[in-house]
Every structure is written in C-alpha cells, then in structure tokens.
Amino acid sequence: KRKTKDDLHQNKTDKLDALYLAKLQSEHPQRLAYVQSEEYQELMANNRIYEQASHDLITNRNRLHKAIQLTFPEIEHLMVNPRGKNYWSIVLRFPHPDIVLETKEADIIDFLKGLTGIGKKRANDIAQSLIRLAKVACPAVKKNSAHIRGLKMAINNILSAEEECQTALQEMAKLAPKRDLEILTSIPGIGKNTALRIISELGDIRRFNNPSQLNAFVGVDPQVYESGNLTAHLSISKRGTAIGRKVLYLAINQIQSAKKVGNPCHIADYYEKRKRSSETASHKKAAIASIHKLLRTIFALIKNDQLYSYDVAKHNQRLLS
C-alpha cells in the first residue's frame, strides 16, 4: 500500500496502473487471498446474529428488572430462578399486583397449566404464591401506567432474542463440520454451543500453517516495540476478531469449571500454574495466556484429526518441558 501511494499518488492513469501492477507482481509476487467456502461465511453470519441477540437479551433483561421494580417487584420472588420462558409469560400476563387480585384463582391456575412443564399441582402452588405476593405488594405505579407497556415490550424483545439465539445455533449446527465439532467438544469444558461458536469465528483452521498465524488471526499475539537498545513487550494486538476472543475467553472459564467437577484438562493446569507463578498475575492475564495454549491445542487436534486426551496432552507437555 505504501509503494502504491508513492508511485501512483502524483500521476494516476489506467496505463500507469497496469504497468505498475505488472512490475509489482513480477518483482514481489502476491499470494492469492484465501476465500473460505460459503458454509463458513454462513457460520460466521449466524454467529454474529447470535452475538447481537445475546446483547439484546442482556439489555432487555436489565430494562425488565428496572420496570418490575416499579410495577410488581415482589414477583421476582415467585420462582427460584426468575428467568426462562415460563417466567416471562407469567410476568407478561400479570405485570401488576392489581391484575392478579382481579383475576379468579381458577383462571390463574388454568393459565399456568397451559405453560410448558407445569402440571396441575405445580400450577396450584404457583397460583397461591402469586396471590400471596400480590397481596403484600407495594407498586410505585398504577396498572394502567406506561411502565406496564414498557415492561411488556421488554419481555417481547427478550422472547424474540431468545428465539433468534436458538435459531442461530440450530443453523450453525447444520453447517458446522461434524468432525471438527466432535474434536472441539472432546476438550473438557467445551460444550456444543461453545464449539459451534469457536468454529464459526475461526473458520477452516486447516488453512493456517502454524498456531502463530491462528493467534494473529484471533488477535492474541503479543506486540513488540523495539527501538535501539530498548525492547518492550506490549499487550496483545487485538487486531483479529473481537467476538472470537470473547468466545475463547468464555471457553477458558468453562474449562476451569469443568476441572472443579472432575474433568481435568492440561489447559486448566496451565492456567493454575500461571496464577501461582506470580502473585500479581490477574485472572485476565492468566486467561489470555491460556487462550494461546487452547489455540495451539485446537490447531494440533484438527490438523492431526485427533480427539482430546488428557494423558496424551500431559505426556506431550513433559516432552516439551
């Protein structure tokens, strides 16, 4: 690009362009750009939709929580985990305690029985709890307030975002190479959804010649600044895919959690070693270092068409040490 600017900046004509390009290709042959297949392009597109829907999901959950604090804060104690389609449906139907108290108990039970996975006994228990909470509730707004409309809009957006996430995952599952998916899920802690997202962001890993190229693609390669006798190692470049780095960061956390429940992984061992080696090492620094190890592992497994084995990984680590 710099040479193009120097040579063509003053006089730029089609004839000079053609002459320059011919000389450039003759003196410095340029590699053809690698174009991935349409399947990988669709995988990435679906993953970007999933990422956007996840962001919308979090945003609207926060908006819903803020609205509920004004309309019916006690309803958040209705279920142990106030999330999921059933919970959203209940809040959508009864966003204000006055609506609960104006509805017959039998009608509330019938509504609850129509939800997925709720039988007669559970519907009766939830109805009793809902009525009890409505009686002690102290809403800050009336049932005809605009906040109710905002609450319903947030719930509809949540349901829509959850549906988009599921649709994107289903499409990725159809498009992802089955063998690559099998290899990635063999790594302890990496589930199907995470593996699909990794494949979608990294694309065809076989196109890379070495793990360093893969690190640079993701943007976790270290920056080095050198001037005279000064050599400084800076932070990671962050020139690659930000979503890819996010997914890999989450994968490291999942690998750590898997080890705690009896699924060992040499990457989790490496993370703990990095944490122990320096008292000032933060979780983020150790996680970034572990991402390097994870990418090297993924590269080796897919290139050699092998499933993950903790014993083999430990043996190879001893040989390298």
C-alpha atoms as a PDB file:
ATOM      1  CA  LYS A   1       0.000   0.000   0.000  1.00  0.00           C
ATOM      2  CA  ARG A   2       2.845   2.383   0.806  1.00  0.00           C
ATOM      3  CA  LYS A   3       4.546   1.658  -2.530  1.00  0.00           C
ATOM      4  CA  THR A   4       1.266   2.189  -4.359  1.00  0.00           C
ATOM      5  CA  LYS A   5       0.870   5.606  -2.732  1.00  0.00           C
ATOM      6  CA  ASP A   6       4.444   6.643  -3.559  1.00  0.00           C
ATOM      7  CA  ASP A   7       4.355   5.567  -7.206  1.00  0.00           C
ATOM      8  CA  LEU A   8       0.800   6.465  -8.168  1.00  0.00           C
ATOM      9  CA  HIS A   9      -0.018   9.424  -5.982  1.00  0.00           C
ATOM     10  CA  GLN A  10       1.010  12.182  -8.472  1.00  0.00           C
ATOM     11  CA  ASN A  11       0.042  10.706 -11.829  1.00  0.00           C
ATOM     12  CA  LYS A  12      -2.633   8.069 -11.819  1.00  0.00           C
ATOM     13  CA  THR A  13      -3.867   6.737 -15.130  1.00  0.00           C
ATOM     14  CA  ASP A  14      -5.111   3.343 -16.228  1.00  0.00           C
ATOM     15  CA  LYS A  15      -1.960   2.831 -18.300  1.00  0.00           C
ATOM     16  CA  LEU A  16       0.397   3.608 -15.379  1.00  0.00           C
ATOM     17  CA  ASP A  17      -1.706   1.464 -13.033  1.00  0.00           C
ATOM     18  CA  ALA A  18      -1.466  -1.535 -15.334  1.00  0.00           C
ATOM     19  CA  LEU A  19       2.298  -1.076 -15.769  1.00  0.00           C
ATOM     20  CA  TYR A  20       2.870  -0.728 -12.025  1.00  0.00           C
ATOM     21  CA  LEU A  21       0.780  -3.776 -11.136  1.00  0.00           C
ATOM     22  CA  ALA A  22       2.626  -5.872 -13.712  1.00  0.00           C
ATOM     23  CA  LYS A  23       6.006  -4.820 -12.275  1.00  0.00           C
ATOM     24  CA  LEU A  24       4.835  -5.371  -8.697  1.00  0.00           C
ATOM     25  CA  GLN A  25       3.648  -8.903  -9.403  1.00  0.00           C
ATOM     26  CA  SER A  26       6.875  -9.672 -11.268  1.00  0.00           C
ATOM     27  CA  GLU A  27       9.224  -8.342  -8.576  1.00  0.00           C
ATOM     28  CA  HIS A  28       7.137  -9.159  -5.492  1.00  0.00           C
ATOM     29  CA  PRO A  29       4.615 -11.911  -6.286  1.00  0.00           C
ATOM     30  CA  GLN A  30       1.485 -11.539  -4.173  1.00  0.00           C
ATOM     31  CA  ARG A  31      -0.293 -14.528  -2.703  1.00  0.00           C
ATOM     32  CA  LEU A  32      -3.884 -15.029  -3.691  1.00  0.00           C
ATOM     33  CA  ALA A  33      -6.317 -14.257  -0.872  1.00  0.00           C
ATOM     34  CA  TYR A  34      -7.836 -17.359   0.719  1.00  0.00           C
ATOM     35  CA  VAL A  35     -11.595 -17.329   0.297  1.00  0.00           C
ATOM     36  CA  GLN A  36     -13.435 -19.672   2.632  1.00  0.00           C
ATOM     37  CA  SER A  37     -16.358 -21.720   1.430  1.00  0.00           C
ATOM     38  CA  GLU A  38     -19.891 -20.376   1.656  1.00  0.00           C
ATOM     39  CA  GLU A  39     -20.623 -22.665   4.612  1.00  0.00           C
ATOM     40  CA  TYR A  40     -18.020 -20.919   6.783  1.00  0.00           C
ATOM     41  CA  GLN A  41     -19.281 -17.497   5.721  1.00  0.00           C
ATOM     42  CA  GLU A  42     -22.800 -18.519   6.751  1.00  0.00           C
ATOM     43  CA  LEU A  43     -21.458 -19.877  10.039  1.00  0.00           C
ATOM     44  CA  MET A  44     -19.868 -16.534  10.869  1.00  0.00           C
ATOM     45  CA  ALA A  45     -23.010 -14.640   9.831  1.00  0.00           C
ATOM     46  CA  ASN A  46     -25.139 -16.803  12.148  1.00  0.00           C
ATOM     47  CA  ASN A  47     -22.688 -16.340  14.998  1.00  0.00           C
ATOM     48  CA  ARG A  48     -22.846 -12.573  14.576  1.00  0.00           C
ATOM     49  CA  ILE A  49     -26.644 -12.788  14.756  1.00  0.00           C
ATOM     50  CA  TYR A  50     -26.296 -14.888  17.917  1.00  0.00           C
ATOM     51  CA  GLU A  51     -23.917 -12.317  19.434  1.00  0.00           C
ATOM     52  CA  GLN A  52     -26.268  -9.422  18.659  1.00  0.00           C
ATOM     53  CA  ALA A  53     -29.288 -11.310  20.013  1.00  0.00           C
ATOM     54  CA  SER A  54     -27.355 -12.136  23.198  1.00  0.00           C
ATOM     55  CA  HIS A  55     -26.508  -8.468  23.635  1.00  0.00           C
ATOM     56  CA  ASP A  56     -30.164  -7.520  23.130  1.00  0.00           C
ATOM     57  CA  LEU A  57     -31.167 -10.199  25.628  1.00  0.00           C
ATOM     58  CA  ILE A  58     -28.968  -8.736  28.357  1.00  0.00           C
ATOM     59  CA  THR A  59     -30.100  -5.182  27.603  1.00  0.00           C
ATOM     60  CA  ASN A  60     -33.798  -6.057  27.761  1.00  0.00           C
ATOM     61  CA  ARG A  61     -33.358  -8.137  30.922  1.00  0.00           C
ATOM     62  CA  ASN A  62     -31.932  -5.068  32.618  1.00  0.00           C
ATOM     63  CA  ARG A  63     -34.813  -2.945  31.321  1.00  0.00           C
ATOM     64  CA  LEU A  64     -37.311  -5.518  32.540  1.00  0.00           C
ATOM     65  CA  HIS A  65     -35.773  -5.628  36.009  1.00  0.00           C
ATOM     66  CA  LYS A  66     -35.953  -1.837  36.228  1.00  0.00           C
ATOM     67  CA  ALA A  67     -39.611  -1.839  35.139  1.00  0.00           C
ATOM     68  CA  ILE A  68     -40.578  -4.635  37.562  1.00  0.00           C
ATOM     69  CA  GLN A  69     -39.141  -2.643  40.468  1.00  0.00           C
ATOM     70  CA  LEU A  70     -41.869  -0.088  39.758  1.00  0.00           C
ATOM     71  CA  THR A  71     -44.790  -2.326  38.790  1.00  0.00           C
ATOM     72  CA  PHE A  72     -44.549  -5.582  40.776  1.00  0.00           C
ATOM     73  CA  PRO A  73     -41.137  -6.099  42.479  1.00  0.00           C
ATOM     74  CA  GLU A  74     -42.365  -8.998  44.627  1.00  0.00           C
ATOM     75  CA  ILE A  75     -42.974 -11.192  41.556  1.00  0.00           C
ATOM     76  CA  GLU A  76     -39.208 -11.727  41.250  1.00  0.00           C
ATOM     77  CA  HIS A  77     -39.533 -13.992  44.308  1.00  0.00           C
ATOM     78  CA  LEU A  78     -42.130 -16.186  42.605  1.00  0.00           C
ATOM     79  CA  MET A  79     -39.530 -18.636  41.272  1.00  0.00           C
ATOM     80  CA  VAL A  80     -36.096 -19.681  42.469  1.00  0.00           C
ATOM     81  CA  ASN A  81     -34.603 -18.640  39.133  1.00  0.00           C
ATOM     82  CA  PRO A  82     -36.625 -15.722  37.711  1.00  0.00           C
ATOM     83  CA  ARG A  83     -35.750 -16.469  34.098  1.00  0.00           C
ATOM     84  CA  GLY A  84     -36.987 -18.615  31.294  1.00  0.00           C
ATOM     85  CA  LYS A  85     -39.986 -18.620  29.007  1.00  0.00           C
ATOM     86  CA  ASN A  86     -42.477 -19.597  31.725  1.00  0.00           C
ATOM     87  CA  TYR A  87     -41.384 -16.766  33.997  1.00  0.00           C
ATOM     88  CA  TRP A  88     -41.511 -14.211  31.166  1.00  0.00           C
ATOM     89  CA  SER A  89     -45.023 -15.455  30.249  1.00  0.00           C
ATOM     90  CA  ILE A  90     -46.263 -15.093  33.832  1.00  0.00           C
ATOM     91  CA  VAL A  91     -44.909 -11.545  34.139  1.00  0.00           C
ATOM     92  CA  LEU A  92     -46.354 -10.677  30.731  1.00  0.00           C
ATOM     93  CA  ARG A  93     -49.798 -11.880  31.865  1.00  0.00           C
ATOM     94  CA  PHE A  94     -49.607 -10.426  35.406  1.00  0.00           C
ATOM     95  CA  PRO A  95     -47.340  -7.341  35.301  1.00  0.00           C
ATOM     96  CA  HIS A  96     -49.165  -5.641  38.195  1.00  0.00           C
ATOM     97  CA  PRO A  97     -50.499  -6.995  41.534  1.00  0.00           C
ATOM     98  CA  ASP A  98     -53.930  -5.447  40.922  1.00  0.00           C
ATOM     99  CA  ILE A  99     -54.305  -7.609  37.798  1.00  0.00           C
ATOM    100  CA  VAL A 100     -53.575 -10.703  39.897  1.00  0.00           C
ATOM    101  CA  LEU A 101     -56.124  -9.767  42.555  1.00  0.00           C
ATOM    102  CA  GLU A 102     -58.771  -9.004  39.929  1.00  0.00           C
ATOM    103  CA  THR A 103     -58.346 -12.439  38.301  1.00  0.00           C
ATOM    104  CA  LYS A 104     -60.093 -15.528  39.663  1.00  0.00           C
ATOM    105  CA  GLU A 105     -57.777 -18.147  41.160  1.00  0.00           C
ATOM    106  CA  ALA A 106     -59.198 -20.819  38.849  1.00  0.00           C
ATOM    107  CA  ASP A 107     -58.360 -18.675  35.801  1.00  0.00           C
ATOM    108  CA  ILE A 108     -54.797 -18.163  37.071  1.00  0.00           C
ATOM    109  CA  ILE A 109     -54.384 -21.929  37.518  1.00  0.00           C
ATOM    110  CA  ASP A 110     -55.749 -22.607  34.033  1.00  0.00           C
ATOM    111  CA  PHE A 111     -53.289 -20.104  32.574  1.00  0.00           C
ATOM    112  CA  LEU A 112     -50.359 -21.677  34.431  1.00  0.00           C
ATOM    113  CA  LYS A 113     -51.326 -25.210  33.335  1.00  0.00           C
ATOM    114  CA  GLY A 114     -51.066 -24.024  29.743  1.00  0.00           C
ATOM    115  CA  LEU A 115     -47.362 -23.287  30.190  1.00  0.00           C
ATOM    116  CA  THR A 116     -44.732 -25.853  29.253  1.00  0.00           C
ATOM    117  CA  GLY A 117     -43.793 -28.308  32.014  1.00  0.00           C
ATOM    118  CA  ILE A 118     -46.292 -27.090  34.610  1.00  0.00           C
ATOM    119  CA  GLY A 119     -48.789 -29.654  35.885  1.00  0.00           C
ATOM    120  CA  LYS A 120     -51.903 -29.230  37.995  1.00  0.00           C
ATOM    121  CA  LYS A 121     -50.195 -29.371  41.412  1.00  0.00           C
ATOM    122  CA  ARG A 122     -47.368 -27.021  40.456  1.00  0.00           C
ATOM    123  CA  ALA A 123     -49.846 -24.628  38.825  1.00  0.00           C
ATOM    124  CA  ASN A 124     -51.838 -24.534  42.052  1.00  0.00           C
ATOM    125  CA  ASP A 125     -48.702 -23.858  44.146  1.00  0.00           C
ATOM    126  CA  ILE A 126     -47.521 -21.065  41.842  1.00  0.00           C
ATOM    127  CA  ALA A 127     -51.007 -19.506  41.822  1.00  0.00           C
ATOM    128  CA  GLN A 128     -51.105 -19.468  45.628  1.00  0.00           C
ATOM    129  CA  SER A 129     -47.641 -17.878  45.773  1.00  0.00           C
ATOM    130  CA  LEU A 130     -48.587 -15.310  43.123  1.00  0.00           C
ATOM    131  CA  ILE A 131     -51.717 -14.260  45.001  1.00  0.00           C
ATOM    132  CA  ARG A 132     -49.820 -14.069  48.302  1.00  0.00           C
ATOM    133  CA  LEU A 133     -47.149 -11.839  46.738  1.00  0.00           C
ATOM    134  CA  ALA A 134     -49.804  -9.633  45.114  1.00  0.00           C
ATOM    135  CA  LYS A 135     -51.482  -9.029  48.467  1.00  0.00           C
ATOM    136  CA  VAL A 136     -48.271  -7.742  50.096  1.00  0.00           C
ATOM    137  CA  ALA A 137     -47.002  -5.868  47.035  1.00  0.00           C
ATOM    138  CA  CYS A 138     -46.443  -2.110  47.079  1.00  0.00           C
ATOM    139  CA  PRO A 139     -46.223  -0.995  43.434  1.00  0.00           C
ATOM    140  CA  ALA A 140     -44.970   2.507  42.644  1.00  0.00           C
ATOM    141  CA  VAL A 141     -47.248   2.919  39.616  1.00  0.00           C
ATOM    142  CA  LYS A 142     -50.826   2.104  38.672  1.00  0.00           C
ATOM    143  CA  LYS A 143     -51.835  -0.820  36.482  1.00  0.00           C
ATOM    144  CA  ASN A 144     -52.560   1.494  33.538  1.00  0.00           C
ATOM    145  CA  SER A 145     -49.152   3.199  33.716  1.00  0.00           C
ATOM    146  CA  ALA A 146     -46.907   3.490  30.660  1.00  0.00           C
ATOM    147  CA  HIS A 147     -44.333   1.480  32.618  1.00  0.00           C
ATOM    148  CA  ILE A 148     -46.542  -1.576  32.095  1.00  0.00           C
ATOM    149  CA  ARG A 149     -46.317  -1.071  28.354  1.00  0.00           C
ATOM    150  CA  GLY A 150     -42.546  -0.717  28.585  1.00  0.00           C
ATOM    151  CA  LEU A 151     -42.377  -3.911  30.668  1.00  0.00           C
ATOM    152  CA  LYS A 152     -44.350  -5.871  28.079  1.00  0.00           C
ATOM    153  CA  MET A 153     -42.174  -4.519  25.278  1.00  0.00           C
ATOM    154  CA  ALA A 154     -39.030  -5.666  27.128  1.00  0.00           C
ATOM    155  CA  ILE A 155     -40.484  -9.173  27.613  1.00  0.00           C
ATOM    156  CA  ASN A 156     -41.455  -9.476  23.956  1.00  0.00           C
ATOM    157  CA  ASN A 157     -37.940  -8.392  22.996  1.00  0.00           C
ATOM    158  CA  ILE A 158     -36.488 -10.995  25.373  1.00  0.00           C
ATOM    159  CA  LEU A 159     -38.608 -13.777  23.883  1.00  0.00           C
ATOM    160  CA  SER A 160     -37.663 -12.664  20.374  1.00  0.00           C
ATOM    161  CA  ALA A 161     -33.941 -12.536  21.230  1.00  0.00           C
ATOM    162  CA  GLU A 162     -34.035 -15.999  22.815  1.00  0.00           C
ATOM    163  CA  GLU A 163     -35.718 -17.375  19.701  1.00  0.00           C
ATOM    164  CA  GLU A 164     -33.066 -15.748  17.482  1.00  0.00           C
ATOM    165  CA  CYS A 165     -30.298 -17.290  19.596  1.00  0.00           C
ATOM    166  CA  GLN A 166     -31.799 -20.752  19.283  1.00  0.00           C
ATOM    167  CA  THR A 167     -32.371 -20.356  15.548  1.00  0.00           C
ATOM    168  CA  ALA A 168     -28.772 -19.211  15.012  1.00  0.00           C
ATOM    169  CA  LEU A 169     -27.425 -22.174  16.994  1.00  0.00           C
ATOM    170  CA  GLN A 170     -29.581 -24.601  15.016  1.00  0.00           C
ATOM    171  CA  GLU A 171     -28.320 -23.164  11.732  1.00  0.00           C
ATOM    172  CA  MET A 172     -24.712 -23.351  12.927  1.00  0.00           C
ATOM    173  CA  ALA A 173     -25.236 -26.983  13.941  1.00  0.00           C
ATOM    174  CA  LYS A 174     -26.391 -27.787  10.392  1.00  0.00           C
ATOM    175  CA  LEU A 175     -23.424 -26.060   8.747  1.00  0.00           C
ATOM    176  CA  ALA A 176     -20.510 -26.900  11.065  1.00  0.00           C
ATOM    177  CA  PRO A 177     -18.197 -29.778  10.043  1.00  0.00           C
ATOM    178  CA  LYS A 178     -19.230 -32.720  12.189  1.00  0.00           C
ATOM    179  CA  ARG A 179     -15.678 -33.956  12.743  1.00  0.00           C
ATOM    180  CA  ASP A 180     -14.422 -30.528  13.858  1.00  0.00           C
ATOM    181  CA  LEU A 181     -17.370 -30.268  16.230  1.00  0.00           C
ATOM    182  CA  GLU A 182     -16.601 -33.714  17.638  1.00  0.00           C
ATOM    183  CA  ILE A 183     -12.945 -32.783  18.170  1.00  0.00           C
ATOM    184  CA  LEU A 184     -13.711 -29.498  19.946  1.00  0.00           C
ATOM    185  CA  THR A 185     -16.352 -30.999  22.236  1.00  0.00           C
ATOM    186  CA  SER A 186     -13.830 -33.669  23.278  1.00  0.00           C
ATOM    187  CA  ILE A 187     -11.931 -30.921  25.149  1.00  0.00           C
ATOM    188  CA  PRO A 188     -13.272 -30.929  28.750  1.00  0.00           C
ATOM    189  CA  GLY A 189     -15.458 -27.916  29.445  1.00  0.00           C
ATOM    190  CA  ILE A 190     -16.240 -27.027  25.839  1.00  0.00           C
ATOM    191  CA  GLY A 191     -19.887 -27.805  25.110  1.00  0.00           C
ATOM    192  CA  LYS A 192     -21.647 -27.962  21.782  1.00  0.00           C
ATOM    193  CA  ASN A 193     -22.755 -24.310  21.732  1.00  0.00           C
ATOM    194  CA  THR A 194     -19.272 -23.013  22.557  1.00  0.00           C
ATOM    195  CA  ALA A 195     -17.703 -25.345  19.987  1.00  0.00           C
ATOM    196  CA  LEU A 196     -20.112 -24.111  17.308  1.00  0.00           C
ATOM    197  CA  ARG A 197     -19.225 -20.502  18.069  1.00  0.00           C
ATOM    198  CA  ILE A 198     -15.483 -21.224  18.011  1.00  0.00           C
ATOM    199  CA  ILE A 199     -15.758 -22.919  14.614  1.00  0.00           C
ATOM    200  CA  SER A 200     -17.896 -20.062  13.306  1.00  0.00           C
ATOM    201  CA  GLU A 201     -15.332 -17.429  14.309  1.00  0.00           C
ATOM    202  CA  LEU A 202     -12.106 -19.284  13.482  1.00  0.00           C
ATOM    203  CA  GLY A 203     -13.407 -20.750  10.232  1.00  0.00           C
ATOM    204  CA  ASP A 204     -11.443 -23.513   8.499  1.00  0.00           C
ATOM    205  CA  ILE A 205      -8.468 -23.940  10.833  1.00  0.00           C
ATOM    206  CA  ARG A 206      -6.680 -26.110   8.272  1.00  0.00           C
ATOM    207  CA  ARG A 207      -5.931 -23.007   6.217  1.00  0.00           C
ATOM    208  CA  PHE A 208      -3.365 -21.851   8.799  1.00  0.00           C
ATOM    209  CA  ASN A 209       0.215 -23.104   8.512  1.00  0.00           C
ATOM    210  CA  ASN A 210       1.071 -22.806  12.204  1.00  0.00           C
ATOM    211  CA  PRO A 211      -0.508 -21.823  15.542  1.00  0.00           C
ATOM    212  CA  SER A 212       1.129 -18.375  15.419  1.00  0.00           C
ATOM    213  CA  GLN A 213      -0.963 -17.488  12.376  1.00  0.00           C
ATOM    214  CA  LEU A 214      -4.062 -18.604  14.270  1.00  0.00           C
ATOM    215  CA  ASN A 215      -3.070 -16.441  17.264  1.00  0.00           C
ATOM    216  CA  ALA A 216      -2.611 -13.444  14.966  1.00  0.00           C
ATOM    217  CA  PHE A 217      -5.990 -14.081  13.325  1.00  0.00           C
ATOM    218  CA  VAL A 218      -7.704 -14.016  16.719  1.00  0.00           C
ATOM    219  CA  GLY A 219      -5.637 -11.025  17.861  1.00  0.00           C
ATOM    220  CA  VAL A 220      -3.959 -12.537  20.933  1.00  0.00           C
ATOM    221  CA  ASP A 221      -0.442 -12.311  19.502  1.00  0.00           C
ATOM    222  CA  PRO A 222       1.829 -10.084  21.641  1.00  0.00           C
ATOM    223  CA  GLN A 223       3.027  -6.736  20.361  1.00  0.00           C
ATOM    224  CA  VAL A 224       6.758  -5.995  20.498  1.00  0.00           C
ATOM    225  CA  TYR A 225       8.215  -2.468  20.378  1.00  0.00           C
ATOM    226  CA  GLU A 226      11.930  -2.210  19.630  1.00  0.00           C
ATOM    227  CA  SER A 227      13.990   0.967  19.347  1.00  0.00           C
ATOM    228  CA  GLY A 228      17.757   0.937  19.756  1.00  0.00           C
ATOM    229  CA  ASN A 229      18.612  -0.926  22.942  1.00  0.00           C
ATOM    230  CA  LEU A 230      15.014  -0.801  24.175  1.00  0.00           C
ATOM    231  CA  THR A 231      12.770  -3.809  23.644  1.00  0.00           C
ATOM    232  CA  ALA A 232       9.296  -3.654  25.175  1.00  0.00           C
ATOM    233  CA  HIS A 233       6.662  -6.392  25.152  1.00  0.00           C
ATOM    234  CA  LEU A 234       3.272  -4.741  24.952  1.00  0.00           C
ATOM    235  CA  SER A 235      -0.232  -6.124  25.329  1.00  0.00           C
ATOM    236  CA  ILE A 236      -1.948  -8.328  22.760  1.00  0.00           C
ATOM    237  CA  SER A 237      -2.549  -6.800  19.345  1.00  0.00           C
ATOM    238  CA  LYS A 238      -6.373  -7.125  19.346  1.00  0.00           C
ATOM    239  CA  ARG A 239      -6.281  -6.933  15.546  1.00  0.00           C
ATOM    240  CA  GLY A 240      -8.329 -10.041  14.988  1.00  0.00           C
ATOM    241  CA  THR A 241     -11.918 -10.933  15.708  1.00  0.00           C
ATOM    242  CA  ALA A 242     -13.155  -9.431  18.990  1.00  0.00           C
ATOM    243  CA  ILE A 243     -16.040 -11.904  19.155  1.00  0.00           C
ATOM    244  CA  GLY A 244     -13.586 -14.772  18.699  1.00  0.00           C
ATOM    245  CA  ARG A 245     -11.521 -13.547  21.658  1.00  0.00           C
ATOM    246  CA  LYS A 246     -14.679 -13.269  23.745  1.00  0.00           C
ATOM    247  CA  VAL A 247     -15.767 -16.834  22.944  1.00  0.00           C
ATOM    248  CA  LEU A 248     -12.298 -18.230  23.689  1.00  0.00           C
ATOM    249  CA  TYR A 249     -12.188 -16.288  26.970  1.00  0.00           C
ATOM    250  CA  LEU A 250     -15.510 -17.860  27.968  1.00  0.00           C
ATOM    251  CA  ALA A 251     -14.161 -21.264  26.925  1.00  0.00           C
ATOM    252  CA  ILE A 252     -11.227 -20.879  29.359  1.00  0.00           C
ATOM    253  CA  ASN A 253     -13.675 -20.175  32.194  1.00  0.00           C
ATOM    254  CA  GLN A 254     -15.686 -23.265  31.226  1.00  0.00           C
ATOM    255  CA  ILE A 255     -12.541 -25.414  31.140  1.00  0.00           C
ATOM    256  CA  GLN A 256     -11.679 -24.182  34.631  1.00  0.00           C
ATOM    257  CA  SER A 257     -15.174 -25.018  35.879  1.00  0.00           C
ATOM    258  CA  ALA A 258     -15.001 -28.489  34.304  1.00  0.00           C
ATOM    259  CA  LYS A 259     -11.815 -29.303  36.199  1.00  0.00           C
ATOM    260  CA  LYS A 260     -13.513 -28.473  39.500  1.00  0.00           C
ATOM    261  CA  VAL A 261     -16.113 -31.199  38.852  1.00  0.00           C
ATOM    262  CA  GLY A 262     -13.594 -33.885  37.910  1.00  0.00           C
ATOM    263  CA  ASN A 263     -12.865 -33.252  34.202  1.00  0.00           C
ATOM    264  CA  PRO A 264      -9.128 -32.460  34.089  1.00  0.00           C
ATOM    265  CA  CYS A 265      -7.519 -30.574  31.223  1.00  0.00           C
ATOM    266  CA  HIS A 266      -3.893 -29.554  30.711  1.00  0.00           C
ATOM    267  CA  ILE A 267      -5.103 -26.045  29.798  1.00  0.00           C
ATOM    268  CA  ALA A 268      -6.682 -25.690  33.260  1.00  0.00           C
ATOM    269  CA  ASP A 269      -3.410 -26.939  34.770  1.00  0.00           C
ATOM    270  CA  TYR A 270      -1.502 -24.321  32.789  1.00  0.00           C
ATOM    271  CA  TYR A 271      -3.893 -21.589  33.947  1.00  0.00           C
ATOM    272  CA  GLU A 272      -3.350 -22.506  37.608  1.00  0.00           C
ATOM    273  CA  LYS A 273       0.411 -22.669  37.079  1.00  0.00           C
ATOM    274  CA  ARG A 274       0.389 -19.158  35.633  1.00  0.00           C
ATOM    275  CA  LYS A 275      -1.640 -17.903  38.584  1.00  0.00           C
ATOM    276  CA  ARG A 276       0.741 -19.499  41.090  1.00  0.00           C
ATOM    277  CA  SER A 277       3.904 -18.304  39.341  1.00  0.00           C
ATOM    278  CA  SER A 278       3.107 -14.660  40.047  1.00  0.00           C
ATOM    279  CA  GLU A 279       1.185 -13.279  42.988  1.00  0.00           C
ATOM    280  CA  THR A 280       0.263 -10.227  40.919  1.00  0.00           C
ATOM    281  CA  ALA A 281      -0.995 -12.194  37.906  1.00  0.00           C
ATOM    282  CA  SER A 282      -4.631 -11.337  37.322  1.00  0.00           C
ATOM    283  CA  HIS A 283      -7.283 -13.718  36.050  1.00  0.00           C
ATOM    284  CA  LYS A 284      -7.347 -11.885  32.729  1.00  0.00           C
ATOM    285  CA  LYS A 285      -3.607 -12.239  32.096  1.00  0.00           C
ATOM    286  CA  ALA A 286      -3.645 -15.922  33.005  1.00  0.00           C
ATOM    287  CA  ALA A 287      -6.727 -16.453  30.817  1.00  0.00           C
ATOM    288  CA  ILE A 288      -5.101 -14.762  27.806  1.00  0.00           C
ATOM    289  CA  ALA A 289      -2.018 -16.955  28.234  1.00  0.00           C
ATOM    290  CA  SER A 290      -4.312 -19.980  28.433  1.00  0.00           C
ATOM    291  CA  ILE A 291      -6.035 -18.925  25.203  1.00  0.00           C
ATOM    292  CA  HIS A 292      -2.648 -19.311  23.479  1.00  0.00           C
ATOM    293  CA  LYS A 293      -2.471 -22.856  24.841  1.00  0.00           C
ATOM    294  CA  LEU A 294      -6.057 -23.578  23.809  1.00  0.00           C
ATOM    295  CA  LEU A 295      -5.482 -22.348  20.248  1.00  0.00           C
ATOM    296  CA  ARG A 296      -2.353 -24.491  19.918  1.00  0.00           C
ATOM    297  CA  THR A 297      -4.330 -27.474  21.190  1.00  0.00           C
ATOM    298  CA  ILE A 298      -7.216 -26.867  18.779  1.00  0.00           C
ATOM    299  CA  PHE A 299      -4.769 -26.401  15.886  1.00  0.00           C
ATOM    300  CA  ALA A 300      -2.940 -29.663  16.661  1.00  0.00           C
ATOM    301  CA  LEU A 301      -6.097 -31.717  17.191  1.00  0.00           C
ATOM    302  CA  ILE A 302      -7.793 -30.600  13.969  1.00  0.00           C
ATOM    303  CA  LYS A 303      -4.619 -30.794  11.857  1.00  0.00           C
ATOM    304  CA  ASN A 304      -3.970 -34.353  13.093  1.00  0.00           C
ATOM    305  CA  ASP A 305      -7.669 -35.321  13.197  1.00  0.00           C
ATOM    306  CA  GLN A 306      -7.465 -36.465  16.836  1.00  0.00           C
ATOM    307  CA  LEU A 307      -9.793 -36.301  19.812  1.00  0.00           C
ATOM    308  CA  TYR A 308      -8.541 -34.732  23.026  1.00  0.00           C
ATOM    309  CA  SER A 309      -6.804 -36.973  25.567  1.00  0.00           C
ATOM    310  CA  TYR A 310      -5.623 -35.599  28.892  1.00  0.00           C
ATOM    311  CA  ASP A 311      -2.950 -38.301  29.254  1.00  0.00           C
ATOM    312  CA  VAL A 312      -1.542 -37.630  25.784  1.00  0.00           C
ATOM    313  CA  ALA A 313      -1.591 -33.876  26.399  1.00  0.00           C
ATOM    314  CA  LYS A 314       0.258 -34.270  29.715  1.00  0.00           C
ATOM    315  CA  HIS A 315       2.819 -36.544  28.062  1.00  0.00           C
ATOM    316  CA  ASN A 316       3.434 -34.049  25.265  1.00  0.00           C
ATOM    317  CA  GLN A 317       3.818 -31.246  27.794  1.00  0.00           C
ATOM    318  CA  ARG A 318       6.535 -33.206  29.608  1.00  0.00           C
ATOM    319  CA  LEU A 319       8.370 -33.799  26.339  1.00  0.00           C
ATOM    320  CA  LEU A 320       8.281 -30.080  25.560  1.00  0.00           C
ATOM    321  CA  SER A 321       9.413 -29.024  29.051  1.00  0.00           C
END
